[in-house]
């Protein structure tokens, strides 16, 4: 399977028609048609757009045809866990900032005698 076929397999696996898949990748249907016919090879920008739009796709499979089409579930689960952890850290930082701000304002009031 060459890279054109792998790209088309992603669209088929996502259950998208040609118009939807082309739009998802930010290309015209004509470009997709040229890929399907084998007249053109994809550029790096197209491959990167595909990997960003479909993060479950294994980059090694897409580029070299090695391994499985989709990343292992464990890897995707870890990614989700990291994103959740980052959101929790962000929330904690916001809460700590607000608590610190309140303490500073309270100290300012005590110092100024208000």
Protein backbone atom coordinates (compact mmCIF):
# COMPACT_ATOMS: atom_id res chain seq x y z
CA UNK A 1 0.00 0.00 0.00
CA UNK A 2 1.53 3.32 -1.00
CA UNK A 3 1.06 6.63 0.81
CA UNK A 4 -1.80 7.68 -1.48
CA UNK A 5 -3.68 4.51 -0.60
CA UNK A 6 -2.99 5.02 3.10
CA UNK A 7 -4.37 8.57 2.92
CA UNK A 8 -7.51 7.33 1.19
CA UNK A 9 -7.83 4.53 3.76
CA UNK A 10 -8.02 7.14 6.53
CA UNK A 11 -10.97 8.82 4.81
CA UNK A 12 -12.71 5.51 4.24
CA UNK A 13 -12.06 4.48 7.84
CA UNK A 14 -13.58 7.73 9.05
CA UNK A 15 -16.68 7.07 6.96
CA UNK A 16 -16.28 10.33 5.05
CA UNK A 17 -17.22 10.91 1.44
CA UNK A 18 -14.72 12.61 -0.88
CA UNK A 19 -16.08 16.11 -0.26
CA UNK A 20 -16.03 15.72 3.53
CA UNK A 21 -12.56 14.19 3.54
CA UNK A 22 -11.12 16.86 1.25
CA UNK A 23 -12.63 19.58 3.44
CA UNK A 24 -11.27 17.94 6.61
CA UNK A 25 -7.78 18.01 5.08
CA UNK A 26 -8.12 21.52 3.69
CA UNK A 27 -7.68 20.44 0.08
CA UNK A 28 -9.88 20.53 -2.99
CA UNK A 29 -11.73 17.50 -4.28
CA UNK A 30 -9.56 17.76 -7.41
CA UNK A 31 -6.40 17.28 -5.33
CA UNK A 32 -7.99 14.26 -3.67
CA UNK A 33 -8.96 12.91 -7.08
CA UNK A 34 -5.37 13.28 -8.31
CA UNK A 35 -4.16 11.38 -5.24
CA UNK A 36 -6.74 8.65 -5.85
CA UNK A 37 -5.65 8.30 -9.48
CA UNK A 38 -1.97 8.25 -8.49
CA UNK A 39 -1.16 11.32 -10.59
CA UNK A 40 0.20 13.20 -7.58
CA UNK A 41 1.96 12.32 -4.35
CA UNK A 42 1.03 14.19 -1.16
CA UNK A 43 3.23 16.96 0.14
CA UNK A 44 4.39 17.25 3.72
CA UNK A 45 1.71 19.87 4.48
CA UNK A 46 -1.05 17.46 3.49
CA UNK A 47 0.39 14.64 5.59
CA UNK A 48 0.75 16.97 8.58
CA UNK A 49 -2.83 18.22 8.13
CA UNK A 50 -4.05 14.63 8.09
CA UNK A 51 -2.12 13.70 11.24
CA UNK A 52 -3.41 16.79 13.05
CA UNK A 53 -7.01 16.22 11.99
CA UNK A 54 -6.84 12.49 12.78
CA UNK A 55 -4.58 12.19 15.85
CA UNK A 56 -5.44 8.51 16.24
CA UNK A 57 -3.48 7.72 13.04
CA UNK A 58 -0.05 6.23 13.60
CA UNK A 59 2.48 8.59 11.92
CA UNK A 60 4.89 5.72 11.21
CA UNK A 61 2.14 3.86 9.38
CA UNK A 62 1.15 6.96 7.43
CA UNK A 63 4.69 7.82 6.34
CA UNK A 64 6.31 4.41 5.94
CA UNK A 65 3.52 1.84 5.99
CA UNK A 66 4.93 0.24 9.15
CA UNK A 67 2.82 -0.90 12.06
CA UNK A 68 -0.90 -0.47 12.48
CA UNK A 69 -3.03 2.30 11.01
CA UNK A 70 -4.18 3.51 14.40
CA UNK A 71 -2.09 4.24 17.44
CA UNK A 72 -2.47 1.77 20.29
CA UNK A 73 -5.40 2.51 22.58
CA UNK A 74 -2.99 2.73 25.51
CA UNK A 75 -1.10 5.57 23.81
CA UNK A 76 -4.33 7.45 23.05
CA UNK A 77 -5.50 6.91 26.65
CA UNK A 78 -2.23 8.33 27.94
CA UNK A 79 -2.64 11.36 25.72
CA UNK A 80 -6.13 11.96 27.12
CA UNK A 81 -4.82 11.57 30.67
CA UNK A 82 -2.07 14.12 30.01
CA UNK A 83 -4.56 16.61 28.58
CA UNK A 84 -6.80 16.16 31.62
CA UNK A 85 -3.83 16.61 33.96
CA UNK A 86 -2.84 19.83 32.17
CA UNK A 87 -6.39 21.16 32.57
CA UNK A 88 -6.33 20.32 36.28
CA UNK A 89 -2.95 22.06 36.73
CA UNK A 90 -4.27 25.13 34.92
CA UNK A 91 -7.32 25.22 37.21
CA UNK A 92 -5.14 24.81 40.31
CA UNK A 93 -2.90 27.65 39.16
CA UNK A 94 -5.93 29.90 38.66
CA UNK A 95 -7.23 29.00 42.12
CA UNK A 96 -3.81 29.58 43.71
CA UNK A 97 -3.50 32.90 41.93
CA UNK A 98 -6.88 34.04 43.19
CA UNK A 99 -6.06 32.93 46.76
CA UNK A 100 -2.71 34.71 46.63
CA UNK A 101 -4.35 37.84 45.25
CA UNK A 102 -6.86 37.84 48.11
CA UNK A 103 -4.08 37.46 50.70
CA UNK A 104 -2.11 40.32 49.14
CA UNK A 105 -5.17 42.58 49.14
CA UNK A 106 -5.87 41.67 52.78
CA UNK A 107 -2.28 42.46 53.76
CA UNK A 108 -2.41 45.75 51.87
CA UNK A 109 -5.55 46.71 53.79
CA UNK A 110 -3.96 45.80 57.13
CA UNK A 111 -0.78 47.71 56.32
CA UNK A 112 -2.59 50.81 55.16
CA UNK A 113 -5.01 50.64 58.11
CA UNK A 114 -8.19 50.53 56.03
